[in-house]
Amino acid sequence: MIDKPVGLTSHDVIDRIRKITGIRKVGHAGTLDPFASGLLFIAIGPYTKKLQRFVGLSKTYAARMHLGATSETYDPEGPIMESIHEKPERFDQSTIEQALEKFRGGYLQKAPLFSAKKVQGKRLYELARKGQADLSMRPEKQVDISHLQLLSFDWPYADILVSCGSGTYIRSLVHDIGEALGTGAYAEMLRRTQIGEFSVADALPLDDLTREKVAQALMLDTVSNY
């Protein structure tokens, strides 16, 4: 398990581990966007065959919502459009709680336009970048939101903790909460803290990873035993 830092794609992590270990056969389960950090399952050599066991597990995220603005990508990487410049009157923590209640338990969620979902045989983000996709093409799915908690609120930021089923887009959830509030919102920060029973607290920080630590984590004398 790796604690992925902000700024890298999940494939960047794979490349880093390949360079550290000298092993080409490296895989991952549960992709994280570049702006996101946190728990990422990594498998090396023959262990890549066991990654499937981690697919479909529930996940927990900590996210920071930036209210009063929207993003084309639902995160900080897209063009940001401010919708409200000042804190709305009578907008407080109870207002957010009322909006969150609409999503607790689950709802029918549309994937972000800039996502890896396939439409017409191509990744949706590829079509979007070419101007060949619109909002009506976003696939939708019933997602499970087993826990949705407001941790803190200080306009324009609201921090939430989300436990959800596999396939849930937290970026979309934040966007949809912003729609429900009438302010707009995008996910400014996202950190995956748990997958199933596995916690990021037990993960290896990528920046501290060495060949020896990989071998130790796998309870092998040397990585070359693969």
Protein backbone atom coordinates (compact mmCIF):
# COMPACT_ATOMS: atom_id res chain seq x y z
CA MET A 1 0.00 0.00 0.00
CA ILE A 2 1.32 3.42 -1.01
CA ASP A 3 0.41 6.88 0.25
CA LYS A 4 0.27 8.73 -3.07
CA PRO A 5 1.29 12.41 -2.95
CA VAL A 6 -0.53 15.21 -4.73
CA GLY A 7 0.62 15.97 -8.27
CA LEU A 8 1.19 12.45 -9.59
CA THR A 9 -1.08 10.20 -11.61
CA SER A 10 -1.53 6.62 -10.47
CA HIS A 11 0.56 5.59 -13.48
CA ASP A 12 3.33 7.97 -12.36
CA VAL A 13 3.45 5.95 -9.12
CA ILE A 14 3.78 2.75 -11.14
CA ASP A 15 6.70 4.24 -13.11
CA ARG A 16 8.40 5.38 -9.89
CA ILE A 17 8.14 1.89 -8.38
CA ARG A 18 9.44 0.29 -11.57
CA LYS A 19 12.53 2.48 -11.35
CA ILE A 20 13.02 1.74 -7.66
CA THR A 21 12.63 -2.03 -7.94
CA GLY A 22 13.82 -2.69 -11.48
CA ILE A 23 10.67 -4.74 -12.05
CA ARG A 24 8.43 -4.00 -15.02
CA LYS A 25 5.37 -5.93 -13.87
CA VAL A 26 3.70 -3.48 -11.50
CA GLY A 27 -0.02 -2.79 -11.21
CA HIS A 28 -2.45 -0.81 -9.09
CA ALA A 29 -6.08 -0.93 -7.98
CA GLY A 30 -8.26 2.11 -7.36
CA THR A 31 -7.06 5.03 -9.48
CA LEU A 32 -6.50 8.42 -7.84
CA ASP A 33 -6.61 11.71 -9.77
CA PRO A 34 -3.39 13.80 -9.82
CA PHE A 35 -4.85 16.41 -7.43
CA ALA A 36 -5.77 13.66 -4.94
CA SER A 37 -3.57 11.95 -2.38
CA GLY A 38 -3.84 8.91 -0.17
CA LEU A 39 -4.18 5.16 -0.20
CA LEU A 40 -3.28 3.32 -3.41
CA PHE A 41 -2.95 -0.46 -3.70
CA ILE A 42 0.18 -1.55 -5.56
CA ALA A 43 1.18 -5.08 -6.60
CA ILE A 44 4.51 -6.26 -7.97
CA GLY A 45 5.40 -9.28 -10.10
CA PRO A 46 3.09 -12.29 -9.66
CA TYR A 47 1.14 -10.45 -6.97
CA THR A 48 -0.54 -8.35 -9.68
CA LYS A 49 -2.86 -11.33 -10.20
CA LYS A 50 -4.29 -10.72 -6.74
CA LEU A 51 -5.30 -7.09 -7.35
CA GLN A 52 -8.80 -8.14 -8.38
CA ARG A 53 -9.60 -9.01 -4.76
CA PHE A 54 -9.42 -5.31 -3.88
CA VAL A 55 -11.76 -4.15 -6.65
CA GLY A 56 -15.21 -3.26 -5.39
CA LEU A 57 -14.24 -2.52 -1.79
CA SER A 58 -15.80 0.48 -0.06
CA LYS A 59 -13.69 3.63 0.26
CA THR A 60 -13.40 6.58 2.63
CA TYR A 61 -12.30 10.06 1.60
CA ALA A 62 -11.64 13.40 3.22
CA ALA A 63 -12.52 16.25 0.85
CA ARG A 64 -12.49 20.02 0.91
CA MET A 65 -15.32 21.71 -0.95
CA HIS A 66 -14.68 25.18 -2.34
CA LEU A 67 -18.10 26.83 -2.35
CA GLY A 68 -19.14 29.76 -4.48
CA ALA A 69 -17.26 28.58 -7.55
CA THR A 70 -17.34 25.76 -10.10
CA SER A 71 -14.78 23.93 -12.19
CA GLU A 72 -15.17 22.30 -15.58
CA THR A 73 -13.34 19.25 -14.23
CA TYR A 74 -14.96 19.49 -10.76
CA ASP A 75 -11.47 19.90 -9.26
CA PRO A 76 -8.67 22.54 -9.14
CA GLU A 77 -7.22 21.44 -12.49
CA GLY A 78 -10.01 22.88 -14.63
CA PRO A 79 -10.91 26.49 -15.38
CA ILE A 80 -12.45 27.97 -12.21
CA MET A 81 -15.58 30.08 -12.55
CA GLU A 82 -16.71 32.10 -9.55
CA SER A 83 -20.46 32.06 -9.04
CA ILE A 84 -20.75 33.91 -5.72
CA HIS A 85 -18.14 36.46 -4.65
CA GLU A 86 -19.36 37.02 -1.10
CA LYS A 87 -20.79 34.80 1.58
CA PRO A 88 -24.57 34.54 1.09
CA GLU A 89 -26.72 35.91 3.88
CA ARG A 90 -28.06 33.29 6.31
CA PHE A 91 -25.65 30.71 4.86
CA ASP A 92 -24.34 28.63 7.76
CA GLN A 93 -23.43 25.11 8.82
CA SER A 94 -27.07 24.05 9.15
CA THR A 95 -27.63 25.00 5.50
CA ILE A 96 -24.88 22.62 4.44
CA GLU A 97 -26.21 19.87 6.70
CA GLN A 98 -29.60 20.13 4.99
CA ALA A 99 -27.94 19.74 1.59
CA LEU A 100 -25.83 16.77 2.71
CA GLU A 101 -28.93 14.96 3.93
CA LYS A 102 -30.12 14.70 0.32
CA PHE A 103 -27.12 12.53 -0.55
CA ARG A 104 -26.84 10.33 2.53
CA GLY A 105 -27.68 6.74 1.71
CA GLY A 106 -26.92 7.21 -1.97
CA TYR A 107 -28.24 8.80 -5.17
CA LEU A 108 -28.16 8.56 -8.95
CA GLN A 109 -24.81 10.11 -9.85
CA LYS A 110 -23.49 11.27 -13.21
CA ALA A 111 -19.79 10.83 -13.91
CA PRO A 112 -17.70 13.97 -14.49
CA LEU A 113 -17.32 15.04 -18.10
CA PHE A 114 -13.57 14.74 -17.59
CA SER A 115 -13.45 11.12 -16.45
CA ALA A 116 -12.12 7.80 -17.71
CA LYS A 117 -15.60 6.42 -18.39
CA LYS A 118 -15.91 5.08 -21.92
CA VAL A 119 -18.46 6.50 -24.35
CA GLN A 120 -18.54 5.40 -27.99
CA GLY A 121 -15.45 3.30 -27.29
CA LYS A 122 -13.36 6.26 -26.12
CA ARG A 123 -12.52 7.80 -22.76
CA LEU A 124 -14.91 10.60 -21.95
CA TYR A 125 -12.08 12.99 -21.08
CA GLU A 126 -10.50 12.38 -24.49
CA LEU A 127 -13.73 13.38 -26.22
CA ALA A 128 -14.15 16.37 -23.90
CA ARG A 129 -10.66 17.68 -24.63
CA LYS A 130 -11.42 17.52 -28.34
CA GLY A 131 -14.72 19.34 -27.86
CA GLN A 132 -16.62 16.23 -28.92
CA ALA A 133 -18.48 15.61 -25.64
CA ASP A 134 -21.22 17.41 -23.76
CA LEU A 135 -22.87 17.02 -20.36
CA SER A 136 -25.65 14.82 -21.75
CA MET A 137 -23.11 12.10 -22.55
CA ARG A 138 -22.11 11.52 -18.92
CA PRO A 139 -22.92 7.95 -17.75
CA GLU A 140 -24.97 7.72 -14.57
CA LYS A 141 -25.00 5.16 -11.80
CA GLN A 142 -26.71 4.62 -8.47
CA VAL A 143 -23.98 5.11 -5.88
CA ASP A 144 -23.94 4.20 -2.19
CA ILE A 145 -23.04 6.92 0.33
CA SER A 146 -22.94 5.10 3.67
CA HIS A 147 -21.46 8.00 5.63
CA LEU A 148 -21.37 11.74 4.87
CA GLN A 149 -20.17 14.02 7.64
CA LEU A 150 -19.48 17.74 7.74
CA LEU A 151 -16.17 18.16 9.57
CA SER A 152 -15.80 21.93 9.43
CA PHE A 153 -17.15 25.02 7.67
CA ASP A 154 -15.56 28.41 7.15
CA TRP A 155 -16.84 30.13 4.03
CA PRO A 156 -15.97 29.36 1.27
CA TYR A 157 -14.55 26.05 2.51
CA ALA A 158 -16.38 23.04 3.87
CA ASP A 159 -14.53 19.85 4.82
CA ILE A 160 -16.41 16.56 4.57
CA LEU A 161 -15.73 12.88 5.30
CA VAL A 162 -17.30 10.41 2.88
CA SER A 163 -17.59 6.62 3.01
CA CYS A 164 -18.96 5.23 -0.22
CA GLY A 165 -19.27 2.27 -2.52
CA SER A 166 -16.88 1.51 -5.35
CA GLY A 167 -17.34 3.64 -8.46
CA THR A 168 -18.41 6.81 -6.62
CA TYR A 169 -16.91 10.05 -7.92
CA ILE A 170 -16.24 12.38 -5.01
CA ARG A 171 -15.70 15.21 -7.50
CA SER A 172 -19.25 14.70 -8.75
CA LEU A 173 -20.60 14.47 -5.22
CA VAL A 174 -19.01 17.82 -4.32
CA HIS A 175 -20.33 19.38 -7.53
CA ASP A 176 -23.82 18.03 -6.85
CA ILE A 177 -23.76 19.31 -3.25
CA GLY A 178 -22.84 22.73 -4.65
CA GLU A 179 -25.82 22.51 -6.99
CA ALA A 180 -28.10 21.61 -4.09
CA LEU A 181 -26.79 24.59 -2.11
CA GLY A 182 -27.23 26.94 -5.07
CA THR A 183 -23.66 28.21 -4.69
CA GLY A 184 -21.71 25.86 -6.89
CA ALA A 185 -18.72 23.92 -5.57
CA TYR A 186 -15.66 22.00 -6.66
CA ALA A 187 -13.32 19.59 -4.86
CA GLU A 188 -10.25 21.60 -3.93
CA MET A 189 -8.66 18.79 -1.92
CA LEU A 190 -9.23 15.03 -1.89
CA ARG A 191 -7.51 12.37 0.19
CA ARG A 192 -8.38 8.68 0.28
CA THR A 193 -7.96 7.46 3.83
CA GLN A 194 -9.33 3.94 3.64
CA ILE A 195 -10.15 1.07 1.26
CA GLY A 196 -12.17 -1.67 2.88
CA GLU A 197 -10.40 -2.40 6.17
CA PHE A 198 -7.08 -1.00 4.95
CA SER A 199 -5.96 2.42 6.22
CA VAL A 200 -3.58 4.99 4.73
CA ALA A 201 -1.96 5.11 8.19
CA ASP A 202 -0.40 1.74 7.35
CA ALA A 203 0.74 2.76 3.84
CA LEU A 204 4.29 3.52 2.75
CA PRO A 205 4.91 7.16 1.72
CA LEU A 206 6.02 7.13 -1.91
CA ASP A 207 8.82 9.66 -1.32
CA ASP A 208 10.37 7.39 1.33
CA LEU A 209 10.12 4.21 -0.74
CA THR A 210 13.30 2.22 -1.38
CA ARG A 211 14.05 -1.17 -2.87
CA GLU A 212 14.72 -2.52 0.61
CA LYS A 213 11.42 -1.20 1.98
CA VAL A 214 9.52 -2.83 -0.87
CA ALA A 215 11.20 -6.15 -0.11
CA GLN A 216 10.51 -5.77 3.60
CA ALA A 217 6.86 -4.93 2.98
CA LEU A 218 6.48 -8.09 0.95
CA MET A 219 8.40 -10.13 3.57
CA LEU A 220 11.07 -11.06 1.03
CA ASP A 221 14.83 -10.94 1.45
CA THR A 222 15.33 -9.16 -1.86
CA VAL A 223 13.08 -7.80 -4.55
CA SER A 224 15.00 -9.85 -7.10
CA ASN A 225 13.31 -13.00 -5.75
CA TYR A 226 10.55 -12.25 -8.24
